């Protein structure tokens, strides 16, 4: 996997304890071009503290351009931002 570290727009649902569960996200590629990627499976869910920022890390599997790919998504708890970190 290569590091991308791009901000993404995410659709997610939260359980009673406030834990997010990502469903799908939009990735802007060019100026007017964007693709929507559906998350088929969440493989692992971890917590990380990077530079004082608490983050949730999701290793997921989804279909991108007709091929099953693995990718890593980070959710920053303090700012509520989603980042596509590796693909």
PDB file of N, CA and C in Angstrom:
ATOM      1  N   UNK A   1       0.841  -1.178   0.000  1.00  0.00           N
ATOM      2  CA  UNK A   1       0.000   0.000   0.000  1.00  0.00           C
ATOM      3  C   UNK A   1       0.889   1.245   0.000  1.00  0.00           C
ATOM      4  N   UNK A   2       0.424   2.261  -0.696  1.00  0.00           N
ATOM      5  CA  UNK A   2       1.178   3.511  -0.731  1.00  0.00           C
ATOM      6  C   UNK A   2       0.427   4.580   0.059  1.00  0.00           C
ATOM      7  N   UNK A   3       1.168   5.494   0.623  1.00  0.00           N
ATOM      8  CA  UNK A   3       0.588   6.561   1.445  1.00  0.00           C
ATOM      9  C   UNK A   3       0.009   7.642   0.538  1.00  0.00           C
ATOM     10  N   UNK A   4      -1.259   7.981   0.790  1.00  0.00           N
ATOM     11  CA  UNK A   4      -1.964   9.001   0.015  1.00  0.00           C
ATOM     12  C   UNK A   4      -2.243  10.225   0.890  1.00  0.00           C
ATOM     13  N   UNK A   5      -2.756  10.011   2.090  1.00  0.00           N
ATOM     14  CA  UNK A   5      -3.071  11.053   3.082  1.00  0.00           C
ATOM     15  C   UNK A   5      -3.918  12.179   2.496  1.00  0.00           C
ATOM     16  N   UNK A   6      -5.123  11.822   2.010  1.00  0.00           N
ATOM     17  CA  UNK A   6      -6.055  12.800   1.453  1.00  0.00           C
ATOM     18  C   UNK A   6      -7.300  12.890   2.318  1.00  0.00           C
ATOM     19  N   UNK A   7      -7.822  14.082   2.448  1.00  0.00           N
ATOM     20  CA  UNK A   7      -9.069  14.298   3.160  1.00  0.00           C
ATOM     21  C   UNK A   7     -10.228  13.789   2.302  1.00  0.00           C
ATOM     22  N   UNK A   8     -11.195  13.112   2.938  1.00  0.00           N
ATOM     23  CA  UNK A   8     -12.319  12.529   2.202  1.00  0.00           C
ATOM     24  C   UNK A   8     -13.629  12.902   2.886  1.00  0.00           C
ATOM     25  N   UNK A   9     -14.718  12.798   2.123  1.00  0.00           N
ATOM     26  CA  UNK A   9     -16.068  12.963   2.658  1.00  0.00           C
ATOM     27  C   UNK A   9     -16.613  11.570   2.937  1.00  0.00           C
ATOM     28  N   UNK A  10     -17.043  11.316   4.175  1.00  0.00           N
ATOM     29  CA  UNK A  10     -17.427   9.978   4.611  1.00  0.00           C
ATOM     30  C   UNK A  10     -18.892   9.932   5.017  1.00  0.00           C
ATOM     31  N   UNK A  11     -19.545   8.812   4.704  1.00  0.00           N
ATOM     32  CA  UNK A  11     -20.859   8.487   5.239  1.00  0.00           C
ATOM     33  C   UNK A  11     -20.620   7.365   6.242  1.00  0.00           C
ATOM     34  N   UNK A  12     -21.000   7.602   7.499  1.00  0.00           N
ATOM     35  CA  UNK A  12     -20.766   6.620   8.556  1.00  0.00           C
ATOM     36  C   UNK A  12     -21.940   6.632   9.527  1.00  0.00           C
ATOM     37  N   UNK A  13     -22.079   5.541  10.261  1.00  0.00           N
ATOM     38  CA  UNK A  13     -23.056   5.505  11.344  1.00  0.00           C
ATOM     39  C   UNK A  13     -22.313   5.250  12.648  1.00  0.00           C
ATOM     40  N   UNK A  14     -22.890   5.745  13.740  1.00  0.00           N
ATOM     41  CA  UNK A  14     -22.268   5.646  15.054  1.00  0.00           C
ATOM     42  C   UNK A  14     -23.141   4.787  15.963  1.00  0.00           C
ATOM     43  N   UNK A  15     -22.504   3.917  16.758  1.00  0.00           N
ATOM     44  CA  UNK A  15     -23.272   3.103  17.696  1.00  0.00           C
ATOM     45  C   UNK A  15     -23.555   3.898  18.978  1.00  0.00           C
ATOM     46  N   UNK A  16     -24.161   3.264  19.965  1.00  0.00           N
ATOM     47  CA  UNK A  16     -24.548   3.952  21.200  1.00  0.00           C
ATOM     48  C   UNK A  16     -23.355   4.523  21.955  1.00  0.00           C
ATOM     49  N   UNK A  17     -22.190   3.890  21.817  1.00  0.00           N
ATOM     50  CA  UNK A  17     -20.985   4.340  22.514  1.00  0.00           C
ATOM     51  C   UNK A  17     -20.217   5.402  21.741  1.00  0.00           C
ATOM     52  N   UNK A  18     -20.694   5.782  20.579  1.00  0.00           N
ATOM     53  CA  UNK A  18     -20.042   6.814  19.780  1.00  0.00           C
ATOM     54  C   UNK A  18     -18.938   6.310  18.877  1.00  0.00           C
ATOM     55  N   UNK A  19     -18.893   5.005  18.643  1.00  0.00           N
ATOM     56  CA  UNK A  19     -17.865   4.427  17.773  1.00  0.00           C
ATOM     57  C   UNK A  19     -18.350   4.505  16.325  1.00  0.00           C
ATOM     58  N   UNK A  20     -17.565   5.138  15.435  1.00  0.00           N
ATOM     59  CA  UNK A  20     -17.993   5.263  14.035  1.00  0.00           C
ATOM     60  C   UNK A  20     -17.808   3.966  13.258  1.00  0.00           C
ATOM     61  N   UNK A  21     -18.714   3.743  12.307  1.00  0.00           N
ATOM     62  CA  UNK A  21     -18.641   2.615  11.391  1.00  0.00           C
ATOM     63  C   UNK A  21     -18.771   3.165   9.975  1.00  0.00           C
ATOM     64  N   UNK A  22     -17.676   3.249   9.233  1.00  0.00           N
ATOM     65  CA  UNK A  22     -17.731   3.836   7.889  1.00  0.00           C
ATOM     66  C   UNK A  22     -18.518   2.964   6.912  1.00  0.00           C
ATOM     67  N   UNK A  23     -19.250   3.617   6.008  1.00  0.00           N
ATOM     68  CA  UNK A  23     -20.068   2.920   5.016  1.00  0.00           C
ATOM     69  C   UNK A  23     -19.517   3.143   3.608  1.00  0.00           C
ATOM     70  N   UNK A  24     -19.348   4.413   3.217  1.00  0.00           N
ATOM     71  CA  UNK A  24     -18.791   4.748   1.902  1.00  0.00           C
ATOM     72  C   UNK A  24     -18.190   6.147   1.972  1.00  0.00           C
ATOM     73  N   UNK A  25     -17.327   6.444   0.998  1.00  0.00           N
ATOM     74  CA  UNK A  25     -16.700   7.759   0.990  1.00  0.00           C
ATOM     75  C   UNK A  25     -16.506   8.252  -0.427  1.00  0.00           C
ATOM     76  N   UNK A  26     -16.328   9.587  -0.533  1.00  0.00           N
ATOM     77  CA  UNK A  26     -16.107  10.235  -1.826  1.00  0.00           C
ATOM     78  C   UNK A  26     -14.672  10.726  -1.870  1.00  0.00           C
ATOM     79  N   UNK A  27     -13.992  10.373  -2.949  1.00  0.00           N
ATOM     80  CA  UNK A  27     -12.604  10.762  -3.156  1.00  0.00           C
ATOM     81  C   UNK A  27     -12.545  11.668  -4.372  1.00  0.00           C
ATOM     82  N   UNK A  28     -12.073  12.903  -4.178  1.00  0.00           N
ATOM     83  CA  UNK A  28     -11.930  13.852  -5.282  1.00  0.00           C
ATOM     84  C   UNK A  28     -10.601  13.600  -5.968  1.00  0.00           C
ATOM     85  N   UNK A  29     -10.652  13.293  -7.269  1.00  0.00           N
ATOM     86  CA  UNK A  29      -9.435  12.959  -8.009  1.00  0.00           C
ATOM     87  C   UNK A  29      -8.885  14.159  -8.769  1.00  0.00           C
ATOM     88  N   UNK A  30      -9.669  14.738  -9.605  1.00  0.00           N
ATOM     89  CA  UNK A  30      -9.256  15.899 -10.406  1.00  0.00           C
ATOM     90  C   UNK A  30     -10.093  17.090  -9.941  1.00  0.00           C
ATOM     91  N   UNK A  31     -10.132  18.138 -10.738  1.00  0.00           N
ATOM     92  CA  UNK A  31     -10.902  19.322 -10.360  1.00  0.00           C
ATOM     93  C   UNK A  31     -12.392  19.019 -10.233  1.00  0.00           C
ATOM     94  N   UNK A  32     -12.971  18.384 -11.252  1.00  0.00           N
ATOM     95  CA  UNK A  32     -14.406  18.104 -11.245  1.00  0.00           C
ATOM     96  C   UNK A  32     -14.718  16.625 -11.111  1.00  0.00           C
ATOM     97  N   UNK A  33     -13.721  15.780 -11.023  1.00  0.00           N
ATOM     98  CA  UNK A  33     -13.938  14.340 -11.010  1.00  0.00           C
ATOM     99  C   UNK A  33     -13.851  13.799  -9.588  1.00  0.00           C
ATOM    100  N   UNK A  34     -14.841  13.002  -9.204  1.00  0.00           N
ATOM    101  CA  UNK A  34     -14.803  12.339  -7.905  1.00  0.00           C
ATOM    102  C   UNK A  34     -15.415  10.951  -8.052  1.00  0.00           C
ATOM    103  N   UNK A  35     -14.939  10.020  -7.226  1.00  0.00           N
ATOM    104  CA  UNK A  35     -15.477   8.666  -7.254  1.00  0.00           C
ATOM    105  C   UNK A  35     -15.991   8.323  -5.864  1.00  0.00           C
ATOM    106  N   UNK A  36     -17.023   7.489  -5.830  1.00  0.00           N
ATOM    107  CA  UNK A  36     -17.598   7.032  -4.570  1.00  0.00           C
ATOM    108  C   UNK A  36     -17.194   5.578  -4.377  1.00  0.00           C
ATOM    109  N   UNK A  37     -16.609   5.296  -3.222  1.00  0.00           N
ATOM    110  CA  UNK A  37     -16.111   3.962  -2.921  1.00  0.00           C
ATOM    111  C   UNK A  37     -16.900   3.413  -1.743  1.00  0.00           C
ATOM    112  N   UNK A  38     -17.519   2.244  -1.942  1.00  0.00           N
ATOM    113  CA  UNK A  38     -18.284   1.579  -0.891  1.00  0.00           C
ATOM    114  C   UNK A  38     -17.354   0.649  -0.125  1.00  0.00           C
ATOM    115  N   UNK A  39     -17.431   0.694   1.188  1.00  0.00           N
ATOM    116  CA  UNK A  39     -16.610  -0.168   2.031  1.00  0.00           C
ATOM    117  C   UNK A  39     -17.347  -1.488   2.209  1.00  0.00           C
ATOM    118  N   UNK A  40     -16.749  -2.565   1.703  1.00  0.00           N
ATOM    119  CA  UNK A  40     -17.368  -3.880   1.791  1.00  0.00           C
ATOM    120  C   UNK A  40     -17.136  -4.535   3.146  1.00  0.00           C
ATOM    121  N   UNK A  41     -15.942  -4.345   3.708  1.00  0.00           N
ATOM    122  CA  UNK A  41     -15.588  -5.056   4.931  1.00  0.00           C
ATOM    123  C   UNK A  41     -14.578  -4.247   5.740  1.00  0.00           C
ATOM    124  N   UNK A  42     -14.811  -4.146   7.044  1.00  0.00           N
ATOM    125  CA  UNK A  42     -13.833  -3.552   7.957  1.00  0.00           C
ATOM    126  C   UNK A  42     -13.023  -4.702   8.537  1.00  0.00           C
ATOM    127  N   UNK A  43     -11.736  -4.739   8.224  1.00  0.00           N
ATOM    128  CA  UNK A  43     -10.887  -5.847   8.643  1.00  0.00           C
ATOM    129  C   UNK A  43     -10.403  -5.649  10.077  1.00  0.00           C
ATOM    130  N   UNK A  44      -9.831  -4.482  10.380  1.00  0.00           N
ATOM    131  CA  UNK A  44      -9.382  -4.187  11.744  1.00  0.00           C
ATOM    132  C   UNK A  44      -9.768  -2.767  12.123  1.00  0.00           C
ATOM    133  N   UNK A  45      -9.846  -2.547  13.430  1.00  0.00           N
ATOM    134  CA  UNK A  45     -10.137  -1.224  13.985  1.00  0.00           C
ATOM    135  C   UNK A  45      -9.189  -1.022  15.161  1.00  0.00           C
ATOM    136  N   UNK A  46      -8.341   0.011  15.098  1.00  0.00           N
ATOM    137  CA  UNK A  46      -7.343   0.274  16.133  1.00  0.00           C
ATOM    138  C   UNK A  46      -7.410   1.730  16.571  1.00  0.00           C
ATOM    139  N   UNK A  47      -6.760   2.010  17.714  1.00  0.00           N
ATOM    140  CA  UNK A  47      -6.617   3.387  18.195  1.00  0.00           C
ATOM    141  C   UNK A  47      -5.149   3.763  18.106  1.00  0.00           C
ATOM    142  N   UNK A  48      -4.895   5.057  17.850  1.00  0.00           N
ATOM    143  CA  UNK A  48      -3.529   5.545  17.718  1.00  0.00           C
ATOM    144  C   UNK A  48      -3.469   6.962  18.276  1.00  0.00           C
ATOM    145  N   UNK A  49      -2.328   7.307  18.853  1.00  0.00           N
ATOM    146  CA  UNK A  49      -2.094   8.675  19.300  1.00  0.00           C
ATOM    147  C   UNK A  49      -0.887   9.177  18.530  1.00  0.00           C
ATOM    148  N   UNK A  50      -1.127  10.066  17.584  1.00  0.00           N
ATOM    149  CA  UNK A  50      -0.080  10.580  16.717  1.00  0.00           C
ATOM    150  C   UNK A  50       0.043  12.085  16.937  1.00  0.00           C
ATOM    151  N   UNK A  51       1.189  12.538  17.412  1.00  0.00           N
ATOM    152  CA  UNK A  51       1.466  13.955  17.684  1.00  0.00           C
ATOM    153  C   UNK A  51       0.421  14.564  18.623  1.00  0.00           C
ATOM    154  N   UNK A  52      -0.032  13.788  19.592  1.00  0.00           N
ATOM    155  CA  UNK A  52      -1.011  14.263  20.560  1.00  0.00           C
ATOM    156  C   UNK A  52      -2.449  14.172  20.105  1.00  0.00           C
ATOM    157  N   UNK A  53      -2.686  13.731  18.872  1.00  0.00           N
ATOM    158  CA  UNK A  53      -4.040  13.603  18.336  1.00  0.00           C
ATOM    159  C   UNK A  53      -4.476  12.144  18.408  1.00  0.00           C
ATOM    160  N   UNK A  54      -5.619  11.918  19.050  1.00  0.00           N
ATOM    161  CA  UNK A  54      -6.166  10.569  19.121  1.00  0.00           C
ATOM    162  C   UNK A  54      -6.888  10.265  17.813  1.00  0.00           C
ATOM    163  N   UNK A  55      -6.594   9.097  17.237  1.00  0.00           N
ATOM    164  CA  UNK A  55      -7.191   8.709  15.963  1.00  0.00           C
ATOM    165  C   UNK A  55      -7.665   7.270  16.018  1.00  0.00           C
ATOM    166  N   UNK A  56      -8.730   6.988  15.270  1.00  0.00           N
ATOM    167  CA  UNK A  56      -9.168   5.624  15.041  1.00  0.00           C
ATOM    168  C   UNK A  56      -8.693   5.226  13.653  1.00  0.00           C
ATOM    169  N   UNK A  57      -8.142   4.027  13.538  1.00  0.00           N
ATOM    170  CA  UNK A  57      -7.611   3.552  12.264  1.00  0.00           C
ATOM    171  C   UNK A  57      -8.438   2.357  11.815  1.00  0.00           C
ATOM    172  N   UNK A  58      -8.939   2.418  10.591  1.00  0.00           N
ATOM    173  CA  UNK A  58      -9.729   1.347  10.013  1.00  0.00           C
ATOM    174  C   UNK A  58      -8.978   0.771   8.816  1.00  0.00           C
ATOM    175  N   UNK A  59      -8.701  -0.526   8.839  1.00  0.00           N
ATOM    176  CA  UNK A  59      -8.196  -1.221   7.659  1.00  0.00           C
ATOM    177  C   UNK A  59      -9.405  -1.858   6.998  1.00  0.00           C
ATOM    178  N   UNK A  60      -9.680  -1.456   5.769  1.00  0.00           N
ATOM    179  CA  UNK A  60     -10.915  -1.834   5.094  1.00  0.00           C
ATOM    180  C   UNK A  60     -10.634  -2.471   3.744  1.00  0.00           C
ATOM    181  N   UNK A  61     -11.692  -3.068   3.197  1.00  0.00           N
ATOM    182  CA  UNK A  61     -11.643  -3.652   1.866  1.00  0.00           C
ATOM    183  C   UNK A  61     -12.837  -3.124   1.087  1.00  0.00           C
ATOM    184  N   UNK A  62     -12.593  -2.757  -0.169  1.00  0.00           N
ATOM    185  CA  UNK A  62     -13.663  -2.247  -1.006  1.00  0.00           C
ATOM    186  C   UNK A  62     -13.320  -2.380  -2.473  1.00  0.00           C
ATOM    187  N   UNK A  63     -14.299  -2.109  -3.315  1.00  0.00           N
ATOM    188  CA  UNK A  63     -14.132  -2.241  -4.760  1.00  0.00           C
ATOM    189  C   UNK A  63     -13.826  -0.864  -5.353  1.00  0.00           C
ATOM    190  N   UNK A  64     -12.632  -0.742  -5.954  1.00  0.00           N
ATOM    191  CA  UNK A  64     -12.216   0.502  -6.595  1.00  0.00           C
ATOM    192  C   UNK A  64     -11.929   0.196  -8.058  1.00  0.00           C
ATOM    193  N   UNK A  65     -12.680   0.830  -8.957  1.00  0.00           N
ATOM    194  CA  UNK A  65     -12.547   0.620 -10.407  1.00  0.00           C
ATOM    195  C   UNK A  65     -12.646  -0.856 -10.782  1.00  0.00           C
ATOM    196  N   UNK A  66     -13.557  -1.579 -10.136  1.00  0.00           N
ATOM    197  CA  UNK A  66     -13.802  -2.975 -10.472  1.00  0.00           C
ATOM    198  C   UNK A  66     -12.856  -3.973  -9.844  1.00  0.00           C
ATOM    199  N   UNK A  67     -11.930  -3.541  -9.015  1.00  0.00           N
ATOM    200  CA  UNK A  67     -10.970  -4.448  -8.378  1.00  0.00           C
ATOM    201  C   UNK A  67     -11.061  -4.306  -6.858  1.00  0.00           C
ATOM    202  N   UNK A  68     -10.999  -5.437  -6.155  1.00  0.00           N
ATOM    203  CA  UNK A  68     -10.999  -5.417  -4.695  1.00  0.00           C
ATOM    204  C   UNK A  68      -9.655  -4.902  -4.188  1.00  0.00           C
ATOM    205  N   UNK A  69      -9.684  -3.871  -3.354  1.00  0.00           N
ATOM    206  CA  UNK A  69      -8.451  -3.269  -2.834  1.00  0.00           C
ATOM    207  C   UNK A  69      -8.545  -3.133  -1.321  1.00  0.00           C
ATOM    208  N   UNK A  70      -7.384  -3.131  -0.683  1.00  0.00           N
ATOM    209  CA  UNK A  70      -7.276  -2.844   0.738  1.00  0.00           C
ATOM    210  C   UNK A  70      -6.870  -1.388   0.902  1.00  0.00           C
ATOM    211  N   UNK A  71      -7.427  -0.710   1.912  1.00  0.00           N
ATOM    212  CA  UNK A  71      -7.050   0.669   2.175  1.00  0.00           C
ATOM    213  C   UNK A  71      -7.179   0.952   3.661  1.00  0.00           C
ATOM    214  N   UNK A  72      -6.489   2.000   4.097  1.00  0.00           N
ATOM    215  CA  UNK A  72      -6.483   2.403   5.500  1.00  0.00           C
ATOM    216  C   UNK A  72      -7.080   3.793   5.623  1.00  0.00           C
ATOM    217  N   UNK A  73      -8.072   3.910   6.509  1.00  0.00           N
ATOM    218  CA  UNK A  73      -8.762   5.173   6.742  1.00  0.00           C
ATOM    219  C   UNK A  73      -8.534   5.577   8.191  1.00  0.00           C
ATOM    220  N   UNK A  74      -8.262   6.864   8.420  1.00  0.00           N
ATOM    221  CA  UNK A  74      -8.074   7.378   9.770  1.00  0.00           C
ATOM    222  C   UNK A  74      -9.177   8.384  10.083  1.00  0.00           C
ATOM    223  N   UNK A  75      -9.655   8.331  11.331  1.00  0.00           N
ATOM    224  CA  UNK A  75     -10.668   9.271  11.821  1.00  0.00           C
ATOM    225  C   UNK A  75     -10.077  10.016  13.009  1.00  0.00           C
ATOM    226  N   UNK A  76      -9.907  11.322  12.858  1.00  0.00           N
ATOM    227  CA  UNK A  76      -9.338  12.138  13.925  1.00  0.00           C
ATOM    228  C   UNK A  76     -10.460  12.555  14.878  1.00  0.00           C
ATOM    229  N   UNK A  77     -10.357  12.124  16.127  1.00  0.00           N
ATOM    230  CA  UNK A  77     -11.438  12.324  17.090  1.00  0.00           C
ATOM    231  C   UNK A  77     -11.645  13.788  17.476  1.00  0.00           C
ATOM    232  N   UNK A  78     -10.586  14.574  17.581  1.00  0.00           N
ATOM    233  CA  UNK A  78     -10.729  15.960  18.034  1.00  0.00           C
ATOM    234  C   UNK A  78     -11.366  16.866  16.983  1.00  0.00           C
ATOM    235  N   UNK A  79     -11.094  16.623  15.704  1.00  0.00           N
ATOM    236  CA  UNK A  79     -11.632  17.477  14.641  1.00  0.00           C
ATOM    237  C   UNK A  79     -12.728  16.808  13.823  1.00  0.00           C
ATOM    238  N   UNK A  80     -12.983  15.519  14.068  1.00  0.00           N
ATOM    239  CA  UNK A  80     -13.998  14.738  13.338  1.00  0.00           C
ATOM    240  C   UNK A  80     -13.721  14.710  11.836  1.00  0.00           C
ATOM    241  N   UNK A  81     -12.458  14.605  11.449  1.00  0.00           N
ATOM    242  CA  UNK A  81     -12.079  14.547  10.037  1.00  0.00           C
ATOM    243  C   UNK A  81     -11.682  13.129   9.655  1.00  0.00           C
ATOM    244  N   UNK A  82     -12.031  12.767   8.422  1.00  0.00           N
ATOM    245  CA  UNK A  82     -11.679  11.465   7.864  1.00  0.00           C
ATOM    246  C   UNK A  82     -10.543  11.650   6.866  1.00  0.00           C
ATOM    247  N   UNK A  83      -9.576  10.722   6.892  1.00  0.00           N
ATOM    248  CA  UNK A  83      -8.421  10.785   6.003  1.00  0.00           C
ATOM    249  C   UNK A  83      -8.212   9.418   5.372  1.00  0.00           C
ATOM    250  N   UNK A  84      -8.123   9.389   4.048  1.00  0.00           N
ATOM    251  CA  UNK A  84      -7.698   8.176   3.351  1.00  0.00           C
ATOM    252  C   UNK A  84      -6.185   8.171   3.425  1.00  0.00           C
ATOM    253  N   UNK A  85      -5.633   7.279   4.249  1.00  0.00           N
ATOM    254  CA  UNK A  85      -4.202   7.327   4.526  1.00  0.00           C
ATOM    255  C   UNK A  85      -3.395   6.459   3.560  1.00  0.00           C
ATOM    256  N   UNK A  86      -3.791   5.209   3.383  1.00  0.00           N
ATOM    257  CA  UNK A  86      -3.068   4.309   2.475  1.00  0.00           C
ATOM    258  C   UNK A  86      -4.053   3.634   1.540  1.00  0.00           C
ATOM    259  N   UNK A  87      -3.572   3.359   0.346  1.00  0.00           N
ATOM    260  CA  UNK A  87      -4.393   2.643  -0.631  1.00  0.00           C
ATOM    261  C   UNK A  87      -3.516   1.710  -1.439  1.00  0.00           C
TER     262      UNK A  87
END
